[in-house]
Amino acid sequence: MVAIVDTSREMLRDAALLFPVSHPPVKQFARVDELFDDMQSEVLKVDAILIATPNFSHFDIICAALQVPGLVVAAPRRRPSRSAC
């Protein structure tokens, strides 16, 4: 685990408690685009992401993830293709 994204500060705080002694520390982001910005600029090395959000938000997150070269995306069964984004 290298990063967690949640719009709730309380959820980020609680999630950080699950990984108190992580090396490197688990980065926290309030917005998914902040995570992808760090990944694109290679500040943060991520091999795969798991999307666990309400269904209505999957498409935009998956399309943004597909812009990151070499990233594996674990998503719902009907994942959009690169051309659909």
PDB file of N, CA and C in Angstrom:
ATOM      1  N   MET A   1       0.855  -1.162   0.000  1.00  0.00           N
ATOM      2  CA  MET A   1       0.000   0.000   0.000  1.00  0.00           C
ATOM      3  C   MET A   1       0.900   1.223   0.000  1.00  0.00           C
ATOM      4  N   VAL A   2       0.701   2.064  -1.016  1.00  0.00           N
ATOM      5  CA  VAL A   2       1.514   3.276  -1.097  1.00  0.00           C
ATOM      6  C   VAL A   2       0.694   4.555  -0.983  1.00  0.00           C
ATOM      7  N   ALA A   3      -0.637   4.463  -1.241  1.00  0.00           N
ATOM      8  CA  ALA A   3      -1.457   5.669  -1.179  1.00  0.00           C
ATOM      9  C   ALA A   3      -2.919   5.321  -0.951  1.00  0.00           C
ATOM     10  N   ILE A   4      -3.617   6.268  -0.352  1.00  0.00           N
ATOM     11  CA  ILE A   4      -5.056   6.155  -0.121  1.00  0.00           C
ATOM     12  C   ILE A   4      -5.673   7.485  -0.541  1.00  0.00           C
ATOM     13  N   VAL A   5      -6.809   7.395  -1.235  1.00  0.00           N
ATOM     14  CA  VAL A   5      -7.543   8.597  -1.628  1.00  0.00           C
ATOM     15  C   VAL A   5      -8.927   8.537  -1.006  1.00  0.00           C
ATOM     16  N   ASP A   6      -9.315   9.602  -0.324  1.00  0.00           N
ATOM     17  CA  ASP A   6     -10.671   9.706   0.210  1.00  0.00           C
ATOM     18  C   ASP A   6     -10.975  11.176   0.415  1.00  0.00           C
ATOM     19  N   THR A   7     -12.189  11.584   0.114  1.00  0.00           N
ATOM     20  CA  THR A   7     -12.572  12.981   0.295  1.00  0.00           C
ATOM     21  C   THR A   7     -12.841  13.309   1.764  1.00  0.00           C
ATOM     22  N   SER A   8     -12.987  12.292   2.585  1.00  0.00           N
ATOM     23  CA  SER A   8     -13.253  12.480   4.011  1.00  0.00           C
ATOM     24  C   SER A   8     -11.944  12.469   4.800  1.00  0.00           C
ATOM     25  N   ARG A   9     -11.676  13.553   5.499  1.00  0.00           N
ATOM     26  CA  ARG A   9     -10.467  13.604   6.336  1.00  0.00           C
ATOM     27  C   ARG A   9     -10.520  12.544   7.431  1.00  0.00           C
ATOM     28  N   GLU A  10     -11.715  12.290   7.954  1.00  0.00           N
ATOM     29  CA  GLU A  10     -11.865  11.275   9.001  1.00  0.00           C
ATOM     30  C   GLU A  10     -11.499   9.896   8.476  1.00  0.00           C
ATOM     31  N   MET A  11     -11.943   9.576   7.262  1.00  0.00           N
ATOM     32  CA  MET A  11     -11.629   8.270   6.681  1.00  0.00           C
ATOM     33  C   MET A  11     -10.134   8.148   6.403  1.00  0.00           C
ATOM     34  N   LEU A  12      -9.502   9.220   5.937  1.00  0.00           N
ATOM     35  CA  LEU A  12      -8.051   9.199   5.718  1.00  0.00           C
ATOM     36  C   LEU A  12      -7.314   8.970   7.033  1.00  0.00           C
ATOM     37  N   ARG A  13      -7.759   9.643   8.067  1.00  0.00           N
ATOM     38  CA  ARG A  13      -7.130   9.474   9.379  1.00  0.00           C
ATOM     39  C   ARG A  13      -7.270   8.031   9.856  1.00  0.00           C
ATOM     40  N   ASP A  14      -8.475   7.475   9.735  1.00  0.00           N
ATOM     41  CA  ASP A  14      -8.707   6.095  10.158  1.00  0.00           C
ATOM     42  C   ASP A  14      -7.903   5.104   9.326  1.00  0.00           C
ATOM     43  N   ALA A  15      -7.806   5.363   8.030  1.00  0.00           N
ATOM     44  CA  ALA A  15      -7.036   4.476   7.154  1.00  0.00           C
ATOM     45  C   ALA A  15      -5.559   4.525   7.516  1.00  0.00           C
ATOM     46  N   ALA A  16      -5.056   5.694   7.869  1.00  0.00           N
ATOM     47  CA  ALA A  16      -3.644   5.826   8.244  1.00  0.00           C
ATOM     48  C   ALA A  16      -3.338   5.005   9.490  1.00  0.00           C
ATOM     49  N   LEU A  17      -4.313   4.849  10.355  1.00  0.00           N
ATOM     50  CA  LEU A  17      -4.104   4.052  11.563  1.00  0.00           C
ATOM     51  C   LEU A  17      -3.913   2.572  11.244  1.00  0.00           C
ATOM     52  N   LEU A  18      -4.411   2.143  10.083  1.00  0.00           N
ATOM     53  CA  LEU A  18      -4.245   0.748   9.681  1.00  0.00           C
ATOM     54  C   LEU A  18      -2.817   0.450   9.231  1.00  0.00           C
ATOM     55  N   PHE A  19      -2.070   1.470   8.852  1.00  0.00           N
ATOM     56  CA  PHE A  19      -0.706   1.320   8.348  1.00  0.00           C
ATOM     57  C   PHE A  19       0.234   2.270   9.093  1.00  0.00           C
ATOM     58  N   PRO A  20       0.358   2.114  10.428  1.00  0.00           N
ATOM     59  CA  PRO A  20       1.124   3.084  11.200  1.00  0.00           C
ATOM     60  C   PRO A  20       2.637   3.050  10.963  1.00  0.00           C
ATOM     61  N   VAL A  21       3.183   1.906  10.606  1.00  0.00           N
ATOM     62  CA  VAL A  21       4.631   1.795  10.436  1.00  0.00           C
ATOM     63  C   VAL A  21       4.923   1.255   9.053  1.00  0.00           C
ATOM     64  N   SER A  22       4.637   2.050   8.071  1.00  0.00           N
ATOM     65  CA  SER A  22       4.839   1.656   6.683  1.00  0.00           C
ATOM     66  C   SER A  22       6.065   2.378   6.147  1.00  0.00           C
ATOM     67  N   HIS A  23       6.864   1.668   5.376  1.00  0.00           N
ATOM     68  CA  HIS A  23       8.067   2.269   4.785  1.00  0.00           C
ATOM     69  C   HIS A  23       8.046   2.072   3.295  1.00  0.00           C
ATOM     70  N   PRO A  24       7.897   3.050   2.473  1.00  0.00           N
ATOM     71  CA  PRO A  24       7.686   4.442   2.865  1.00  0.00           C
ATOM     72  C   PRO A  24       6.275   4.648   3.412  1.00  0.00           C
ATOM     73  N   PRO A  25       6.039   5.769   4.098  1.00  0.00           N
ATOM     74  CA  PRO A  25       4.709   6.019   4.654  1.00  0.00           C
ATOM     75  C   PRO A  25       3.637   6.058   3.563  1.00  0.00           C
ATOM     76  N   VAL A  26       2.436   5.644   3.914  1.00  0.00           N
ATOM     77  CA  VAL A  26       1.307   5.678   2.986  1.00  0.00           C
ATOM     78  C   VAL A  26       0.924   7.139   2.765  1.00  0.00           C
ATOM     79  N   LYS A  27       0.952   7.570   1.494  1.00  0.00           N
ATOM     80  CA  LYS A  27       0.555   8.946   1.165  1.00  0.00           C
ATOM     81  C   LYS A  27      -0.963   9.046   1.173  1.00  0.00           C
ATOM     82  N   GLN A  28      -1.456  10.193   1.559  1.00  0.00           N
ATOM     83  CA  GLN A  28      -2.893  10.437   1.610  1.00  0.00           C
ATOM     84  C   GLN A  28      -3.255  11.574   0.663  1.00  0.00           C
ATOM     85  N   PHE A  29      -4.343  11.360  -0.066  1.00  0.00           N
ATOM     86  CA  PHE A  29      -4.829  12.359  -1.010  1.00  0.00           C
ATOM     87  C   PHE A  29      -6.317  12.573  -0.793  1.00  0.00           C
ATOM     88  N   ALA A  30      -6.756  13.817  -0.912  1.00  0.00           N
ATOM     89  CA  ALA A  30      -8.179  14.135  -0.791  1.00  0.00           C
ATOM     90  C   ALA A  30      -8.895  14.012  -2.135  1.00  0.00           C
ATOM     91  N   ARG A  31      -8.110  14.026  -3.237  1.00  0.00           N
ATOM     92  CA  ARG A  31      -8.710  13.935  -4.572  1.00  0.00           C
ATOM     93  C   ARG A  31      -7.882  12.981  -5.423  1.00  0.00           C
ATOM     94  N   VAL A  32      -8.564  12.218  -6.243  1.00  0.00           N
ATOM     95  CA  VAL A  32      -7.887  11.217  -7.065  1.00  0.00           C
ATOM     96  C   VAL A  32      -6.965  11.862  -8.094  1.00  0.00           C
ATOM     97  N   ASP A  33      -7.304  13.055  -8.575  1.00  0.00           N
ATOM     98  CA  ASP A  33      -6.425  13.704  -9.548  1.00  0.00           C
ATOM     99  C   ASP A  33      -5.076  14.075  -8.936  1.00  0.00           C
ATOM    100  N   GLU A  34      -5.024  14.321  -7.629  1.00  0.00           N
ATOM    101  CA  GLU A  34      -3.747  14.572  -6.960  1.00  0.00           C
ATOM    102  C   GLU A  34      -2.868  13.319  -7.007  1.00  0.00           C
ATOM    103  N   LEU A  35      -3.466  12.169  -6.798  1.00  0.00           N
ATOM    104  CA  LEU A  35      -2.741  10.902  -6.890  1.00  0.00           C
ATOM    105  C   LEU A  35      -2.187  10.710  -8.295  1.00  0.00           C
ATOM    106  N   PHE A  36      -3.026  10.889  -9.301  1.00  0.00           N
ATOM    107  CA  PHE A  36      -2.588  10.692 -10.677  1.00  0.00           C
ATOM    108  C   PHE A  36      -1.517  11.710 -11.081  1.00  0.00           C
ATOM    109  N   ASP A  37      -1.602  12.938 -10.570  1.00  0.00           N
ATOM    110  CA  ASP A  37      -0.559  13.935 -10.844  1.00  0.00           C
ATOM    111  C   ASP A  37       0.789  13.459 -10.314  1.00  0.00           C
ATOM    112  N   ASP A  38       0.803  12.942  -9.085  1.00  0.00           N
ATOM    113  CA  ASP A  38       2.048  12.426  -8.509  1.00  0.00           C
ATOM    114  C   ASP A  38       2.558  11.218  -9.291  1.00  0.00           C
ATOM    115  N   MET A  39       1.641  10.390  -9.779  1.00  0.00           N
ATOM    116  CA  MET A  39       2.046   9.219 -10.547  1.00  0.00           C
ATOM    117  C   MET A  39       2.613   9.623 -11.907  1.00  0.00           C
ATOM    118  N   GLN A  40       1.971  10.572 -12.567  1.00  0.00           N
ATOM    119  CA  GLN A  40       2.439  11.033 -13.878  1.00  0.00           C
ATOM    120  C   GLN A  40       3.811  11.686 -13.781  1.00  0.00           C
ATOM    121  N   SER A  41       4.052  12.429 -12.713  1.00  0.00           N
ATOM    122  CA  SER A  41       5.341  13.102 -12.547  1.00  0.00           C
ATOM    123  C   SER A  41       6.377  12.188 -11.901  1.00  0.00           C
ATOM    124  N   GLU A  42       5.986  10.962 -11.651  1.00  0.00           N
ATOM    125  CA  GLU A  42       6.855   9.922 -11.076  1.00  0.00           C
ATOM    126  C   GLU A  42       7.333  10.260  -9.668  1.00  0.00           C
ATOM    127  N   VAL A  43       6.595  11.132  -8.975  1.00  0.00           N
ATOM    128  CA  VAL A  43       6.861  11.394  -7.566  1.00  0.00           C
ATOM    129  C   VAL A  43       6.480  10.162  -6.760  1.00  0.00           C
ATOM    130  N   LEU A  44       5.449   9.467  -7.214  1.00  0.00           N
ATOM    131  CA  LEU A  44       4.937   8.286  -6.535  1.00  0.00           C
ATOM    132  C   LEU A  44       4.898   7.134  -7.522  1.00  0.00           C
ATOM    133  N   LYS A  45       5.520   6.017  -7.183  1.00  0.00           N
ATOM    134  CA  LYS A  45       5.531   4.828  -8.042  1.00  0.00           C
ATOM    135  C   LYS A  45       4.403   3.909  -7.612  1.00  0.00           C
ATOM    136  N   VAL A  46       3.457   3.692  -8.518  1.00  0.00           N
ATOM    137  CA  VAL A  46       2.310   2.824  -8.259  1.00  0.00           C
ATOM    138  C   VAL A  46       2.212   1.839  -9.407  1.00  0.00           C
ATOM    139  N   ASP A  47       2.082   0.551  -9.083  1.00  0.00           N
ATOM    140  CA  ASP A  47       1.967  -0.483 -10.113  1.00  0.00           C
ATOM    141  C   ASP A  47       0.516  -0.793 -10.458  1.00  0.00           C
ATOM    142  N   ALA A  48      -0.365  -0.666  -9.475  1.00  0.00           N
ATOM    143  CA  ALA A  48      -1.772  -1.030  -9.691  1.00  0.00           C
ATOM    144  C   ALA A  48      -2.646  -0.210  -8.755  1.00  0.00           C
ATOM    145  N   ILE A  49      -3.892  -0.021  -9.157  1.00  0.00           N
ATOM    146  CA  ILE A  49      -4.848   0.649  -8.281  1.00  0.00           C
ATOM    147  C   ILE A  49      -6.107  -0.199  -8.182  1.00  0.00           C
ATOM    148  N   LEU A  50      -6.768  -0.080  -7.056  1.00  0.00           N
ATOM    149  CA  LEU A  50      -8.061  -0.713  -6.836  1.00  0.00           C
ATOM    150  C   LEU A  50      -9.064   0.413  -6.662  1.00  0.00           C
ATOM    151  N   ILE A  51     -10.110   0.383  -7.461  1.00  0.00           N
ATOM    152  CA  ILE A  51     -11.131   1.430  -7.389  1.00  0.00           C
ATOM    153  C   ILE A  51     -12.289   0.896  -6.565  1.00  0.00           C
ATOM    154  N   ALA A  52     -12.519   1.518  -5.427  1.00  0.00           N
ATOM    155  CA  ALA A  52     -13.599   1.115  -4.525  1.00  0.00           C
ATOM    156  C   ALA A  52     -14.428   2.358  -4.216  1.00  0.00           C
ATOM    157  N   THR A  53     -15.199   2.763  -5.196  1.00  0.00           N
ATOM    158  CA  THR A  53     -16.021   3.964  -5.088  1.00  0.00           C
ATOM    159  C   THR A  53     -17.429   3.618  -5.566  1.00  0.00           C
ATOM    160  N   PRO A  54     -18.386   4.517  -5.350  1.00  0.00           N
ATOM    161  CA  PRO A  54     -19.725   4.280  -5.905  1.00  0.00           C
ATOM    162  C   PRO A  54     -19.657   4.134  -7.428  1.00  0.00           C
ATOM    163  N   ASN A  55     -20.534   3.310  -7.972  1.00  0.00           N
ATOM    164  CA  ASN A  55     -20.513   2.993  -9.406  1.00  0.00           C
ATOM    165  C   ASN A  55     -20.489   4.219 -10.311  1.00  0.00           C
ATOM    166  N   PHE A  56     -21.215   5.262  -9.958  1.00  0.00           N
ATOM    167  CA  PHE A  56     -21.310   6.416 -10.853  1.00  0.00           C
ATOM    168  C   PHE A  56     -19.966   7.105 -11.069  1.00  0.00           C
ATOM    169  N   SER A  57     -19.012   6.898 -10.166  1.00  0.00           N
ATOM    170  CA  SER A  57     -17.725   7.583 -10.297  1.00  0.00           C
ATOM    171  C   SER A  57     -16.654   6.746 -10.986  1.00  0.00           C
ATOM    172  N   HIS A  58     -16.927   5.482 -11.268  1.00  0.00           N
ATOM    173  CA  HIS A  58     -15.909   4.597 -11.844  1.00  0.00           C
ATOM    174  C   HIS A  58     -15.356   5.084 -13.179  1.00  0.00           C
ATOM    175  N   PHE A  59     -16.223   5.491 -14.082  1.00  0.00           N
ATOM    176  CA  PHE A  59     -15.798   5.811 -15.440  1.00  0.00           C
ATOM    177  C   PHE A  59     -14.714   6.880 -15.465  1.00  0.00           C
ATOM    178  N   ASP A  60     -14.947   7.995 -14.778  1.00  0.00           N
ATOM    179  CA  ASP A  60     -13.973   9.093 -14.791  1.00  0.00           C
ATOM    180  C   ASP A  60     -12.647   8.679 -14.159  1.00  0.00           C
ATOM    181  N   ILE A  61     -12.707   7.920 -13.073  1.00  0.00           N
ATOM    182  CA  ILE A  61     -11.478   7.484 -12.404  1.00  0.00           C
ATOM    183  C   ILE A  61     -10.713   6.505 -13.287  1.00  0.00           C
ATOM    184  N   ILE A  62     -11.419   5.578 -13.905  1.00  0.00           N
ATOM    185  CA  ILE A  62     -10.761   4.599 -14.780  1.00  0.00           C
ATOM    186  C   ILE A  62     -10.133   5.296 -15.979  1.00  0.00           C
ATOM    187  N   CYS A  63     -10.832   6.233 -16.581  1.00  0.00           N
ATOM    188  CA  CYS A  63     -10.270   6.951 -17.733  1.00  0.00           C
ATOM    189  C   CYS A  63      -9.007   7.705 -17.341  1.00  0.00           C
ATOM    190  N   ALA A  64      -9.004   8.324 -16.167  1.00  0.00           N
ATOM    191  CA  ALA A  64      -7.798   9.018 -15.706  1.00  0.00           C
ATOM    192  C   ALA A  64      -6.677   8.018 -15.446  1.00  0.00           C
ATOM    193  N   ALA A  65      -7.008   6.874 -14.867  1.00  0.00           N
ATOM    194  CA  ALA A  65      -5.994   5.853 -14.579  1.00  0.00           C
ATOM    195  C   ALA A  65      -5.386   5.296 -15.857  1.00  0.00           C
ATOM    196  N   LEU A  66      -6.181   5.172 -16.895  1.00  0.00           N
ATOM    197  CA  LEU A  66      -5.684   4.617 -18.152  1.00  0.00           C
ATOM    198  C   LEU A  66      -4.686   5.549 -18.844  1.00  0.00           C
ATOM    199  N   GLN A  67      -4.587   6.788 -18.382  1.00  0.00           N
ATOM    200  CA  GLN A  67      -3.609   7.727 -18.938  1.00  0.00           C
ATOM    201  C   GLN A  67      -2.218   7.524 -18.346  1.00  0.00           C
ATOM    202  N   VAL A  68      -2.137   6.754 -17.256  1.00  0.00           N
ATOM    203  CA  VAL A  68      -0.847   6.506 -16.596  1.00  0.00           C
ATOM    204  C   VAL A  68      -0.216   5.276 -17.235  1.00  0.00           C
ATOM    205  N   PRO A  69       0.919   5.427 -17.905  1.00  0.00           N
ATOM    206  CA  PRO A  69       1.554   4.297 -18.589  1.00  0.00           C
ATOM    207  C   PRO A  69       1.913   3.163 -17.634  1.00  0.00           C
ATOM    208  N   GLY A  70       1.569   1.933 -18.057  1.00  0.00           N
ATOM    209  CA  GLY A  70       1.964   0.743 -17.316  1.00  0.00           C
ATOM    210  C   GLY A  70       1.151   0.444 -16.075  1.00  0.00           C
ATOM    211  N   LEU A  71       0.117   1.201 -15.804  1.00  0.00           N
ATOM    212  CA  LEU A  71      -0.678   1.005 -14.598  1.00  0.00           C
ATOM    213  C   LEU A  71      -1.705  -0.103 -14.802  1.00  0.00           C
ATOM    214  N   VAL A  72      -1.833  -0.984 -13.833  1.00  0.00           N
ATOM    215  CA  VAL A  72      -2.856  -2.030 -13.845  1.00  0.00           C
ATOM    216  C   VAL A  72      -4.051  -1.488 -13.077  1.00  0.00           C
ATOM    217  N   VAL A  73      -5.241  -1.591 -13.666  1.00  0.00           N
ATOM    218  CA  VAL A  73      -6.450  -1.049 -13.052  1.00  0.00           C
ATOM    219  C   VAL A  73      -7.379  -2.198 -12.678  1.00  0.00           C
ATOM    220  N   ALA A  74      -7.682  -2.321 -11.391  1.00  0.00           N
ATOM    221  CA  ALA A  74      -8.669  -3.296 -10.916  1.00  0.00           C
ATOM    222  C   ALA A  74      -9.975  -2.539 -10.752  1.00  0.00           C
ATOM    223  N   ALA A  75     -10.949  -2.898 -11.570  1.00  0.00           N
ATOM    224  CA  ALA A  75     -12.182  -2.125 -11.620  1.00  0.00           C
ATOM    225  C   ALA A  75     -13.377  -3.045 -11.823  1.00  0.00           C
ATOM    226  N   PRO A  76     -14.553  -2.472 -11.943  1.00  0.00           N
ATOM    227  CA  PRO A  76     -15.763  -3.259 -12.158  1.00  0.00           C
ATOM    228  C   PRO A  76     -15.699  -4.081 -13.447  1.00  0.00           C
ATOM    229  N   ARG A  77     -16.614  -4.998 -13.586  1.00  0.00           N
ATOM    230  CA  ARG A  77     -16.631  -5.899 -14.751  1.00  0.00           C
ATOM    231  C   ARG A  77     -16.686  -5.162 -16.069  1.00  0.00           C
ATOM    232  N   ARG A  78     -17.477  -4.134 -16.172  1.00  0.00           N
ATOM    233  CA  ARG A  78     -17.613  -3.413 -17.449  1.00  0.00           C
ATOM    234  C   ARG A  78     -16.717  -2.193 -17.462  1.00  0.00           C
ATOM    235  N   ARG A  79     -15.445  -2.429 -17.575  1.00  0.00           N
ATOM    236  CA  ARG A  79     -14.456  -1.361 -17.585  1.00  0.00           C
ATOM    237  C   ARG A  79     -14.414  -0.719 -18.967  1.00  0.00           C
ATOM    238  N   PRO A  80     -14.372   0.607 -19.053  1.00  0.00           N
ATOM    239  CA  PRO A  80     -14.281   1.246 -20.371  1.00  0.00           C
ATOM    240  C   PRO A  80     -12.918   0.983 -20.998  1.00  0.00           C
ATOM    241  N   SER A  81     -12.901   0.944 -22.292  1.00  0.00           N
ATOM    242  CA  SER A  81     -11.631   0.775 -23.005  1.00  0.00           C
ATOM    243  C   SER A  81     -10.928   2.116 -23.121  1.00  0.00           C
ATOM    244  N   ARG A  82      -9.651   2.109 -23.482  1.00  0.00           N
ATOM    245  CA  ARG A  82      -8.922   3.365 -23.675  1.00  0.00           C
ATOM    246  C   ARG A  82      -9.615   4.242 -24.718  1.00  0.00           C
ATOM    247  N   SER A  83     -10.137   3.617 -25.773  1.00  0.00           N
ATOM    248  CA  SER A  83     -10.764   4.392 -26.830  1.00  0.00           C
ATOM    249  C   SER A  83     -12.074   5.039 -26.374  1.00  0.00           C
ATOM    250  N   ALA A  84     -12.737   4.469 -25.359  1.00  0.00           N
ATOM    251  CA  ALA A  84     -13.975   5.039 -24.847  1.00  0.00           C
ATOM    252  C   ALA A  84     -13.729   6.295 -24.030  1.00  0.00           C
ATOM    253  N   CYS A  85     -12.499   6.456 -23.556  1.00  0.00           N
ATOM    254  CA  CYS A  85     -12.176   7.624 -22.727  1.00  0.00           C
ATOM    255  C   CYS A  85     -11.807   8.777 -23.611  1.00  0.00           C
TER     256      CYS A  85
END
